């Protein structure tokens, strides 16, 4: 069996026999490789105390500059007998949480130093989670700066994240899944190019498959630029996109002012033979292999500039988990079966509840061009509503990540979905997800306020969750355990040692299933 089972138990929790026959507790302590001056201030080995002390460093710096990418491995003797139960539980918890301050009392030097981090990636990622006062202040300053940079006629919309946002997962990182932080600030964001890409896709879907939409492909080319490898131009003949494009040419392209304006913009790039084509004939000649030479000549940026989208200062970075099943089967090594032990994949996300601001402004100054486009803000509103309802932002959108809800549709002018297809409502959060979301809100509230109330709402909810989450699915149980563990960085278990040990044991049982 893997050294980490499907519930996320790590090698640090396994007991082994020593050469003398006694038991030992194996551990893996995450460790960062930094200059000595930095190590003197922040420490290099992971400890619970150091995580609290450097919590206000922006999460992007903790994830990139100061990340615990390596590890020390070793073991400590496991105290035996009923009289040593408290000490045994304390050492096991330290091994599970990667707390070197506790383990170093029993193990002066690890058996292996500076080895690649393997089993405690969750612990290392939790050290990079949260937001912190410094990053929150930076996000507030960035919001003010973005407002000051807005031109005379900007498009600006706000939306609330209703599912975790995973962005930049393809960025190189020791835990394999990266994350998009803005350098040098170390705050999460959605790049303007990513915003443009999602809204472009939404506009294309509306133009091709929504006959009642105000969007046409010509509007897409004018506002977002021309893409020679678009699926409706480059895709297989007979595909739904190619057929929808052909239908647009036949039914809607004649006398289209936007198409005529677009041809005027790119006319100088065309060959002499192609310049004499009418706008409709040029659009008809673009698809497939025969139109490849024409497509390669066309380079247009689009008339809009999209800015980076930042979360509000109350946002938080959280650790999320996916359990990939049948890995050996998909790698061609084995047949699928139910006795597998999936290895959890941990990665960072922006937690639900964050509010993002999206903005764009016109680049081109030609009056005739904007007359041909028409109400470009209404077009963007329609595309934005479609993107929030059916597409999502960032990575893993096909499994529900990156879903947003526009704020105050009446105030922002967001256009509802057209009636040619039934409206697709954003699926509501499950009961379990609502409980976890409320706990996240309480963590951030108490962390910002410095509140430590033993009998407060945060403590009451996590104790209630310890009991209720036992009946949840394995993945949701682990998510609950990870979040409860995060609360301990804000508020320790109240009561005497016996009660604290009882809560710690309940949390361990919840985590291990």
Protein backbone atom coordinates (compact mmCIF):
# COMPACT_ATOMS: atom_id res chain seq x y z
CA UNK A 1 0.00 0.00 0.00
CA UNK A 2 1.11 3.57 -0.67
CA UNK A 3 2.75 5.42 2.18
CA UNK A 4 -0.18 7.81 1.98
CA UNK A 5 -3.62 6.26 1.86
CA UNK A 6 -6.83 7.66 0.42
CA UNK A 7 -7.60 9.66 3.56
CA UNK A 8 -4.32 11.54 3.44
CA UNK A 9 -2.43 9.77 6.23
CA UNK A 10 1.24 10.41 5.81
CA UNK A 11 4.39 8.48 6.49
CA UNK A 12 4.98 10.76 9.46
CA UNK A 13 2.19 8.94 11.34
CA UNK A 14 3.45 5.39 10.89
CA UNK A 15 4.94 3.51 13.79
CA UNK A 16 7.87 1.20 13.11
CA UNK A 17 10.06 -1.10 15.16
CA UNK A 18 13.54 0.01 16.17
CA UNK A 19 16.58 -2.27 16.09
CA UNK A 20 16.08 -2.89 19.80
CA UNK A 21 12.50 -4.02 19.32
CA UNK A 22 10.79 -0.85 20.55
CA UNK A 23 8.39 1.21 18.51
CA UNK A 24 9.29 4.51 16.85
CA UNK A 25 7.29 7.30 15.24
CA UNK A 26 8.39 8.21 11.72
CA UNK A 27 8.29 11.87 10.70
CA UNK A 28 8.92 14.12 7.73
CA UNK A 29 9.53 17.78 8.53
CA UNK A 30 9.12 20.24 5.62
CA UNK A 31 12.17 22.46 5.24
CA UNK A 32 12.95 25.56 3.17
CA UNK A 33 16.23 26.23 1.38
CA UNK A 34 16.96 29.91 2.00
CA UNK A 35 20.05 32.02 2.82
CA UNK A 36 21.23 31.88 6.42
CA UNK A 37 20.02 35.41 7.14
CA UNK A 38 16.49 34.49 6.10
CA UNK A 39 16.66 31.19 7.99
CA UNK A 40 17.75 33.08 11.12
CA UNK A 41 14.58 35.21 10.93
CA UNK A 42 12.01 32.74 9.62
CA UNK A 43 13.63 29.43 10.50
CA UNK A 44 14.19 26.69 7.95
CA UNK A 45 12.38 23.67 9.45
CA UNK A 46 8.59 23.78 9.68
CA UNK A 47 7.17 24.50 13.14
CA UNK A 48 3.69 25.51 14.23
CA UNK A 49 5.03 28.55 16.03
CA UNK A 50 6.94 29.86 13.01
CA UNK A 51 3.80 29.49 10.86
CA UNK A 52 1.99 31.85 13.22
CA UNK A 53 4.87 34.33 13.26
CA UNK A 54 5.15 34.66 9.49
CA UNK A 55 1.41 34.52 8.75
CA UNK A 56 1.36 38.19 7.67
CA UNK A 57 3.87 37.61 4.87
CA UNK A 58 1.92 37.62 1.56
CA UNK A 59 0.89 34.09 0.54
CA UNK A 60 2.68 34.35 -2.79
CA UNK A 61 6.00 34.92 -1.02
CA UNK A 62 5.35 32.00 1.33
CA UNK A 63 4.43 29.80 -1.63
CA UNK A 64 7.35 30.81 -3.86
CA UNK A 65 10.25 32.52 -2.08
CA UNK A 66 10.01 30.83 1.32
CA UNK A 67 8.25 27.56 0.54
CA UNK A 68 9.18 24.38 2.46
CA UNK A 69 10.10 22.48 -0.71
CA UNK A 70 12.51 20.01 0.93
CA UNK A 71 12.30 17.87 4.05
CA UNK A 72 14.12 16.12 6.87
CA UNK A 73 13.13 12.53 7.65
CA UNK A 74 13.71 10.54 10.80
CA UNK A 75 12.07 8.91 13.80
CA UNK A 76 11.67 9.32 17.53
CA UNK A 77 11.13 6.55 20.11
CA UNK A 78 7.45 5.96 20.82
CA UNK A 79 6.69 6.01 24.55
CA UNK A 80 4.94 2.79 25.55
CA UNK A 81 2.54 1.98 28.32
CA UNK A 82 -0.66 3.65 29.60
CA UNK A 83 1.27 6.16 31.70
CA UNK A 84 2.89 7.62 28.57
CA UNK A 85 -0.27 8.02 26.54
CA UNK A 86 -0.23 11.83 26.72
CA UNK A 87 3.40 12.03 25.55
CA UNK A 88 2.77 9.46 22.83
CA UNK A 89 -0.21 11.41 21.47
CA UNK A 90 1.79 14.63 21.60
CA UNK A 91 4.63 13.16 19.52
CA UNK A 92 2.24 11.58 17.03
CA UNK A 93 0.45 14.90 16.57
CA UNK A 94 3.79 16.66 16.08
CA UNK A 95 4.77 14.15 13.39
CA UNK A 96 1.40 14.58 11.68
CA UNK A 97 1.59 18.39 11.71
CA UNK A 98 5.31 18.63 10.99
CA UNK A 99 6.19 20.41 14.24
CA UNK A 100 9.97 20.29 14.60
CA UNK A 101 9.91 22.26 17.88
CA UNK A 102 8.28 19.28 19.60
CA UNK A 103 10.20 16.50 17.84
CA UNK A 104 13.65 18.04 18.27
CA UNK A 105 13.47 17.35 22.01
CA UNK A 106 13.58 13.63 21.21
CA UNK A 107 15.64 13.74 18.01
CA UNK A 108 18.57 16.11 17.80
CA UNK A 109 19.34 15.33 14.16
CA UNK A 110 17.15 13.63 11.52
CA UNK A 111 18.26 10.49 9.71
CA UNK A 112 17.98 12.14 6.28
CA UNK A 113 18.34 15.87 5.64
CA UNK A 114 17.43 18.01 2.62
CA UNK A 115 15.51 15.30 0.77
CA UNK A 116 12.63 16.09 -1.63
CA UNK A 117 9.31 16.74 0.11
CA UNK A 118 7.09 13.71 -0.40
CA UNK A 119 4.44 12.98 2.22
CA UNK A 120 3.86 16.33 3.93
CA UNK A 121 2.90 18.54 0.99
CA UNK A 122 -0.38 19.35 2.69
CA UNK A 123 1.47 20.70 5.74
CA UNK A 124 3.78 22.80 3.56
CA UNK A 125 0.83 24.20 1.60
CA UNK A 126 -1.07 25.06 4.77
CA UNK A 127 1.89 27.19 5.80
CA UNK A 128 1.31 29.20 2.60
CA UNK A 129 -2.47 29.51 3.04
CA UNK A 130 -4.48 32.40 4.44
CA UNK A 131 -3.92 35.99 3.34
CA UNK A 132 -2.44 38.05 6.16
CA UNK A 133 -2.56 41.74 7.02
CA UNK A 134 0.20 42.71 4.58
CA UNK A 135 -1.45 41.10 1.54
CA UNK A 136 -4.88 42.44 2.54
CA UNK A 137 -3.44 45.96 2.66
CA UNK A 138 -1.81 45.42 -0.74
CA UNK A 139 -5.13 44.29 -2.24
CA UNK A 140 -6.84 47.41 -0.89
CA UNK A 141 -4.09 49.59 -2.39
CA UNK A 142 -4.30 47.76 -5.72
CA UNK A 143 -8.07 48.32 -5.81
CA UNK A 144 -7.55 52.06 -5.32
CA UNK A 145 -4.87 52.10 -8.01
CA UNK A 146 -7.06 50.23 -10.49
CA UNK A 147 -9.88 52.73 -9.90
CA UNK A 148 -7.48 55.61 -10.50
CA UNK A 149 -6.25 54.03 -13.75
CA UNK A 150 -9.74 53.63 -15.20
CA UNK A 151 -10.20 55.70 -18.33
CA UNK A 152 -13.06 58.01 -19.16
CA UNK A 153 -15.34 55.22 -20.38
CA UNK A 154 -14.45 51.93 -18.63
CA UNK A 155 -16.48 48.74 -18.32
CA UNK A 156 -16.41 47.51 -14.73
CA UNK A 157 -18.23 44.61 -13.09
CA UNK A 158 -17.97 42.81 -9.74
CA UNK A 159 -18.68 39.18 -8.96
CA UNK A 160 -18.49 36.94 -5.91
CA UNK A 161 -16.67 33.62 -6.01
CA UNK A 162 -19.10 30.80 -5.17
CA UNK A 163 -16.62 27.93 -5.68
CA UNK A 164 -12.86 27.61 -5.10
CA UNK A 165 -10.75 29.35 -7.75
CA UNK A 166 -7.72 27.44 -9.05
CA UNK A 167 -5.52 29.51 -11.34
CA UNK A 168 -1.95 29.07 -12.52
CA UNK A 169 -1.87 25.33 -11.72
CA UNK A 170 0.50 24.79 -14.63
CA UNK A 171 3.14 27.12 -13.19
CA UNK A 172 6.28 25.21 -12.12
CA UNK A 173 6.40 24.41 -8.41
CA UNK A 174 7.86 21.67 -6.15
CA UNK A 175 4.36 20.37 -5.27
CA UNK A 176 3.63 20.00 -9.02
CA UNK A 177 0.58 22.28 -8.96
CA UNK A 178 1.50 25.95 -9.07
CA UNK A 179 -0.62 29.03 -8.43
CA UNK A 180 -0.90 32.49 -9.98
CA UNK A 181 0.43 35.16 -7.62
CA UNK A 182 1.23 38.65 -8.87
CA UNK A 183 4.93 39.44 -8.58
CA UNK A 184 6.36 41.23 -6.65
CA UNK A 185 3.30 41.65 -4.41
CA UNK A 186 2.53 37.99 -3.75
CA UNK A 187 -1.27 38.34 -3.98
CA UNK A 188 -3.62 36.10 -6.00
CA UNK A 189 -5.13 37.43 -9.22
CA UNK A 190 -6.67 36.48 -12.56
CA UNK A 191 -4.48 37.78 -15.37
CA UNK A 192 -6.11 40.18 -17.81
CA UNK A 193 -5.22 37.79 -20.64
CA UNK A 194 -7.15 35.05 -18.82
CA UNK A 195 -10.17 37.31 -18.36
CA UNK A 196 -10.05 38.19 -22.05
CA UNK A 197 -9.83 34.51 -23.00
CA UNK A 198 -12.87 33.48 -20.94
CA UNK A 199 -15.00 36.40 -22.16
CA UNK A 200 -13.92 35.73 -25.74
CA UNK A 201 -15.03 32.12 -25.46
CA UNK A 202 -18.34 33.24 -23.96
CA UNK A 203 -18.84 35.74 -26.80
CA UNK A 204 -18.07 33.08 -29.41
CA UNK A 205 -20.60 30.68 -27.89
CA UNK A 206 -23.25 33.39 -27.88
CA UNK A 207 -22.45 34.42 -31.45
CA UNK A 208 -22.53 30.85 -32.80
CA UNK A 209 -25.24 29.15 -30.77
CA UNK A 210 -27.59 31.88 -29.51
CA UNK A 211 -29.59 33.31 -32.44
CA UNK A 212 -31.21 35.96 -30.22
CA UNK A 213 -27.87 37.25 -28.93
CA UNK A 214 -26.52 40.63 -30.01
CA UNK A 215 -23.12 39.04 -30.53
CA UNK A 216 -21.84 38.09 -33.98
CA UNK A 217 -18.46 36.63 -34.92
CA UNK A 218 -17.57 40.00 -36.46
CA UNK A 219 -18.10 41.64 -33.05
CA UNK A 220 -15.76 39.04 -31.52
CA UNK A 221 -13.06 39.88 -34.08
CA UNK A 222 -13.43 43.62 -33.55
CA UNK A 223 -13.45 43.60 -29.75
CA UNK A 224 -11.15 40.65 -28.95
CA UNK A 225 -8.99 40.34 -32.06
CA UNK A 226 -8.73 37.68 -34.75
CA UNK A 227 -7.55 34.14 -33.87
CA UNK A 228 -6.52 32.08 -36.88
CA UNK A 229 -6.84 28.79 -34.97
CA UNK A 230 -10.38 29.32 -33.68
CA UNK A 231 -12.33 26.05 -33.68
CA UNK A 232 -14.97 27.39 -36.06
CA UNK A 233 -12.23 28.23 -38.60
CA UNK A 234 -9.61 25.57 -37.98
CA UNK A 235 -11.74 22.69 -36.68
CA UNK A 236 -12.96 19.65 -38.57
CA UNK A 237 -15.49 20.21 -41.29
CA UNK A 238 -18.88 19.07 -40.08
CA UNK A 239 -18.19 19.98 -36.45
CA UNK A 240 -20.88 21.94 -34.62
CA UNK A 241 -18.69 25.06 -34.54
CA UNK A 242 -17.96 24.95 -38.28
CA UNK A 243 -21.62 24.38 -39.07
CA UNK A 244 -22.72 27.24 -36.81
CA UNK A 245 -20.18 29.55 -38.45
CA UNK A 246 -21.44 28.57 -41.90
CA UNK A 247 -25.01 29.24 -40.83
CA UNK A 248 -23.99 32.68 -39.57
CA UNK A 249 -22.45 33.45 -42.98
CA UNK A 250 -25.63 32.37 -44.75
CA UNK A 251 -28.22 33.94 -42.46
CA UNK A 252 -26.73 36.91 -40.61
CA UNK A 253 -23.53 38.16 -42.23
CA UNK A 254 -25.15 40.07 -45.11
CA UNK A 255 -25.13 43.84 -44.51
CA UNK A 256 -23.42 43.32 -41.13
CA UNK A 257 -21.86 46.67 -40.20
CA UNK A 258 -19.42 45.06 -37.77
CA UNK A 259 -18.14 42.69 -40.46
CA UNK A 260 -17.65 45.57 -42.91
CA UNK A 261 -15.81 47.58 -40.25
CA UNK A 262 -13.57 44.61 -39.43
CA UNK A 263 -12.59 44.16 -43.10
CA UNK A 264 -11.68 47.85 -43.25
CA UNK A 265 -9.37 47.38 -40.23
CA UNK A 266 -7.46 44.41 -41.71
CA UNK A 267 -7.67 45.32 -45.42
CA UNK A 268 -4.04 46.45 -45.64
CA UNK A 269 -2.85 43.02 -44.43
CA UNK A 270 -4.60 41.10 -47.22
CA UNK A 271 -3.16 40.13 -50.58
CA UNK A 272 -4.25 42.07 -53.64
CA UNK A 273 -6.58 39.25 -54.69
CA UNK A 274 -8.27 39.07 -51.30
CA UNK A 275 -8.79 42.81 -50.92
CA UNK A 276 -11.37 42.82 -53.71
CA UNK A 277 -13.52 40.27 -51.87
CA UNK A 278 -16.66 41.53 -50.18
CA UNK A 279 -16.76 41.25 -46.37
CA UNK A 280 -19.09 38.24 -46.61
CA UNK A 281 -16.98 36.50 -49.27
CA UNK A 282 -13.84 37.08 -47.18
CA UNK A 283 -15.51 35.56 -44.11
CA UNK A 284 -16.67 32.63 -46.24
CA UNK A 285 -13.10 32.03 -47.50
CA UNK A 286 -11.51 31.86 -44.04
CA UNK A 287 -12.38 28.33 -42.74
CA UNK A 288 -10.50 25.12 -43.42
CA UNK A 289 -7.17 24.40 -45.15
CA UNK A 290 -8.06 26.59 -48.13
CA UNK A 291 -8.29 29.66 -45.92
CA UNK A 292 -5.06 29.03 -43.99
CA UNK A 293 -2.99 31.49 -46.05
CA UNK A 294 -5.55 34.24 -45.57
CA UNK A 295 -5.80 33.59 -41.82
CA UNK A 296 -2.02 33.75 -41.39
CA UNK A 297 -1.93 37.26 -42.85
CA UNK A 298 -4.48 38.68 -40.42
CA UNK A 299 -3.18 40.14 -37.16
CA UNK A 300 -5.57 42.30 -35.14
CA UNK A 301 -5.34 43.01 -31.43
CA UNK A 302 -8.93 43.89 -30.76
CA UNK A 303 -10.42 47.15 -29.57
CA UNK A 304 -10.48 46.38 -25.82
CA UNK A 305 -7.83 46.15 -23.11
CA UNK A 306 -8.65 43.89 -20.14
CA UNK A 307 -7.08 44.52 -16.75
CA UNK A 308 -6.00 41.97 -14.17
CA UNK A 309 -8.79 41.00 -11.77
CA UNK A 310 -7.95 41.07 -8.05
CA UNK A 311 -9.93 39.73 -5.08
CA UNK A 312 -11.03 42.05 -2.31
CA UNK A 313 -9.01 42.43 0.88
CA UNK A 314 -11.20 39.92 2.75
CA UNK A 315 -10.26 37.06 0.40
CA UNK A 316 -8.30 34.06 1.63
CA UNK A 317 -6.06 31.41 0.09
CA UNK A 318 -6.98 27.84 1.09
CA UNK A 319 -5.67 24.31 0.57
CA UNK A 320 -7.93 22.11 -1.56
CA UNK A 321 -7.78 18.42 -2.40
CA UNK A 322 -8.63 16.09 -5.26
CA UNK A 323 -8.56 12.30 -5.04
CA UNK A 324 -7.66 10.97 -8.52
CA UNK A 325 -9.01 7.43 -8.88
CA UNK A 326 -7.78 4.62 -11.17
CA UNK A 327 -4.39 6.29 -11.75
CA UNK A 328 -2.73 3.02 -12.75
CA UNK A 329 -5.53 2.30 -15.21
CA UNK A 330 -5.19 5.67 -16.95
CA UNK A 331 -1.43 5.17 -17.12
CA UNK A 332 -1.99 1.82 -18.82
CA UNK A 333 -0.45 -0.18 -15.98
CA UNK A 334 -3.48 -1.98 -14.51
CA UNK A 335 -7.20 -2.62 -14.81
CA UNK A 336 -9.59 -0.43 -12.75
CA UNK A 337 -10.70 -1.91 -9.43
CA UNK A 338 -12.10 -0.81 -6.05
CA UNK A 339 -9.10 -1.86 -3.95
CA UNK A 340 -6.90 1.03 -5.08
CA UNK A 341 -5.49 3.63 -2.70
CA UNK A 342 -5.78 6.99 -4.47
CA UNK A 343 -3.04 9.45 -3.55
CA UNK A 344 -4.59 12.84 -2.66
CA UNK A 345 -3.44 15.85 -4.68
CA UNK A 346 -3.25 19.06 -2.65
CA UNK A 347 -3.18 22.52 -4.22
CA UNK A 348 -3.94 26.15 -3.40
CA UNK A 349 -7.17 27.95 -4.28
CA UNK A 350 -8.85 31.25 -3.55
CA UNK A 351 -11.62 30.34 -1.11
CA UNK A 352 -15.28 31.00 -2.02
CA UNK A 353 -16.66 34.34 -0.89
CA UNK A 354 -13.92 36.49 -2.43
CA UNK A 355 -15.16 39.42 -4.50
CA UNK A 356 -13.38 40.08 -7.81
CA UNK A 357 -13.48 43.26 -9.91
CA UNK A 358 -13.33 42.86 -13.71
CA UNK A 359 -12.64 45.84 -15.95
CA UNK A 360 -11.90 46.73 -19.56
CA UNK A 361 -11.54 49.91 -21.56
CA UNK A 362 -11.51 50.78 -25.28
CA UNK A 363 -8.22 51.15 -27.12
CA UNK A 364 -9.22 52.27 -30.60
CA UNK A 365 -10.20 55.92 -31.07
CA UNK A 366 -11.95 55.58 -34.44
CA UNK A 367 -15.52 56.85 -34.11
CA UNK A 368 -16.79 54.89 -37.11
CA UNK A 369 -15.52 51.63 -35.59
CA UNK A 370 -17.49 52.08 -32.37
CA UNK A 371 -20.59 53.08 -34.32
CA UNK A 372 -20.40 49.74 -36.16
CA UNK A 373 -19.92 47.83 -32.89
CA UNK A 374 -22.82 49.50 -31.11
CA UNK A 375 -23.28 49.23 -27.33
CA UNK A 376 -20.06 47.40 -26.48
CA UNK A 377 -20.71 47.51 -22.74
CA UNK A 378 -24.03 45.71 -23.17
CA UNK A 379 -22.23 43.11 -25.29
CA UNK A 380 -19.63 42.58 -22.55
CA UNK A 381 -22.36 42.34 -19.92
CA UNK A 382 -24.00 39.55 -21.91
CA UNK A 383 -20.69 37.71 -22.34
CA UNK A 384 -19.83 38.18 -18.66
CA UNK A 385 -23.19 36.76 -17.55
CA UNK A 386 -22.70 33.76 -19.84
CA UNK A 387 -19.14 33.23 -18.54
CA UNK A 388 -20.30 33.31 -14.91
CA UNK A 389 -23.29 31.03 -15.55
CA UNK A 390 -21.74 28.38 -17.78
CA UNK A 391 -17.96 28.66 -18.07
CA UNK A 392 -16.13 29.80 -14.94
CA UNK A 393 -12.65 31.27 -14.57
CA UNK A 394 -9.29 29.62 -13.96
CA UNK A 395 -8.57 25.88 -14.06
CA UNK A 396 -10.75 22.80 -13.38
CA UNK A 397 -13.92 24.65 -14.41
CA UNK A 398 -15.36 21.41 -15.82
CA UNK A 399 -15.67 20.06 -12.25
CA UNK A 400 -17.13 23.25 -10.78
CA UNK A 401 -14.11 25.37 -9.85
CA UNK A 402 -14.01 29.10 -10.64
CA UNK A 403 -17.78 29.72 -10.59
CA UNK A 404 -18.80 33.35 -9.99
CA UNK A 405 -22.05 35.17 -9.26
CA UNK A 406 -22.32 38.74 -10.64
CA UNK A 407 -23.18 41.32 -7.99
CA UNK A 408 -26.46 43.20 -8.25
CA UNK A 409 -27.56 42.42 -11.79
CA UNK A 410 -29.94 45.38 -11.83
CA UNK A 411 -27.20 47.83 -10.89
CA UNK A 412 -24.49 46.40 -13.11
CA UNK A 413 -26.72 45.87 -16.12
CA UNK A 414 -25.87 42.20 -16.52
CA UNK A 415 -28.02 40.73 -19.27
CA UNK A 416 -29.92 37.54 -18.40
CA UNK A 417 -29.42 34.41 -20.47
CA UNK A 418 -31.33 34.39 -23.76
CA UNK A 419 -34.51 32.34 -24.02
CA UNK A 420 -33.42 30.17 -26.93
CA UNK A 421 -32.10 27.66 -24.41
CA UNK A 422 -33.24 26.95 -20.85
CA UNK A 423 -31.37 29.00 -18.31
CA UNK A 424 -28.55 27.18 -16.56
CA UNK A 425 -28.50 28.05 -12.90
CA UNK A 426 -25.35 27.87 -10.88
CA UNK A 427 -25.71 24.76 -8.71
CA UNK A 428 -26.21 25.73 -5.06
CA UNK A 429 -23.63 24.80 -2.48
CA UNK A 430 -24.28 21.52 -0.71
CA UNK A 431 -25.05 21.48 3.01
CA UNK A 432 -21.49 20.34 3.74
CA UNK A 433 -19.97 23.09 1.57
CA UNK A 434 -22.12 25.75 3.27
CA UNK A 435 -20.87 24.66 6.69
CA UNK A 436 -17.24 24.72 5.52
CA UNK A 437 -17.73 28.12 3.90
CA UNK A 438 -19.13 29.54 7.14
CA UNK A 439 -16.16 28.17 9.07
CA UNK A 440 -13.77 29.81 6.57
CA UNK A 441 -15.53 33.14 7.11
CA UNK A 442 -15.19 32.84 10.88
CA UNK A 443 -11.49 31.96 10.60
CA UNK A 444 -10.76 35.09 8.56
CA UNK A 445 -12.98 37.26 10.76
CA UNK A 446 -11.29 36.20 14.00
CA UNK A 447 -7.81 36.26 12.45
CA UNK A 448 -8.22 39.86 11.29
CA UNK A 449 -9.77 40.97 14.58
CA UNK A 450 -7.26 39.09 16.73
CA UNK A 451 -10.25 37.54 18.46
CA UNK A 452 -9.68 34.48 20.67
CA UNK A 453 -12.97 33.65 22.36
CA UNK A 454 -13.03 30.11 23.82
CA UNK A 455 -16.84 30.10 23.74
CA UNK A 456 -17.26 32.04 20.52
CA UNK A 457 -18.98 31.07 17.27
CA UNK A 458 -15.75 29.75 15.71
CA UNK A 459 -15.16 27.25 18.49
CA UNK A 460 -18.82 26.20 18.64
CA UNK A 461 -18.98 25.52 14.91
CA UNK A 462 -15.77 23.50 14.74
CA UNK A 463 -16.82 21.30 17.69
CA UNK A 464 -20.17 20.73 16.01
CA UNK A 465 -18.38 19.93 12.77
CA UNK A 466 -16.17 17.34 14.50
CA UNK A 467 -19.29 15.26 15.14
CA UNK A 468 -21.36 15.97 12.02
CA UNK A 469 -18.55 15.42 9.51
CA UNK A 470 -18.12 11.78 10.61
CA UNK A 471 -21.05 10.88 8.34
CA UNK A 472 -19.72 12.77 5.31
CA UNK A 473 -17.96 11.29 2.28
CA UNK A 474 -14.22 10.53 2.71
CA UNK A 475 -13.19 13.56 0.65
CA UNK A 476 -15.51 15.96 2.50
CA UNK A 477 -14.38 14.50 5.87
CA UNK A 478 -10.78 15.26 4.96
CA UNK A 479 -11.71 18.79 3.84
CA UNK A 480 -13.47 19.36 7.15
CA UNK A 481 -10.48 18.03 9.11
CA UNK A 482 -8.07 20.28 7.21
CA UNK A 483 -10.21 23.33 7.88
CA UNK A 484 -10.64 22.50 11.58
CA UNK A 485 -6.88 22.08 11.78
CA UNK A 486 -6.51 25.55 10.27
CA UNK A 487 -8.69 27.01 13.04
CA UNK A 488 -6.09 25.90 15.59
CA UNK A 489 -3.72 28.52 14.17
CA UNK A 490 -6.25 31.14 15.27
CA UNK A 491 -7.75 29.56 18.39
CA UNK A 492 -6.46 26.60 20.38
CA UNK A 493 -8.81 24.05 21.91
CA UNK A 494 -10.29 25.47 25.14
CA UNK A 495 -10.41 23.63 28.44
CA UNK A 496 -7.92 21.57 30.41
CA UNK A 497 -5.37 19.17 28.95
CA UNK A 498 -7.75 16.24 29.07
CA UNK A 499 -10.38 18.06 27.00
CA UNK A 500 -7.76 19.33 24.57
CA UNK A 501 -6.44 15.80 24.08
CA UNK A 502 -9.98 14.54 23.51
CA UNK A 503 -10.56 17.14 20.77
CA UNK A 504 -7.20 16.38 19.19
CA UNK A 505 -8.06 12.69 19.11
CA UNK A 506 -11.47 13.40 17.56
CA UNK A 507 -9.80 15.51 14.87
CA UNK A 508 -7.27 12.76 14.19
CA UNK A 509 -10.06 10.20 13.85
CA UNK A 510 -11.95 12.48 11.48
CA UNK A 511 -8.84 13.00 9.33
CA UNK A 512 -8.00 9.33 9.19
CA UNK A 513 -11.54 8.17 8.54
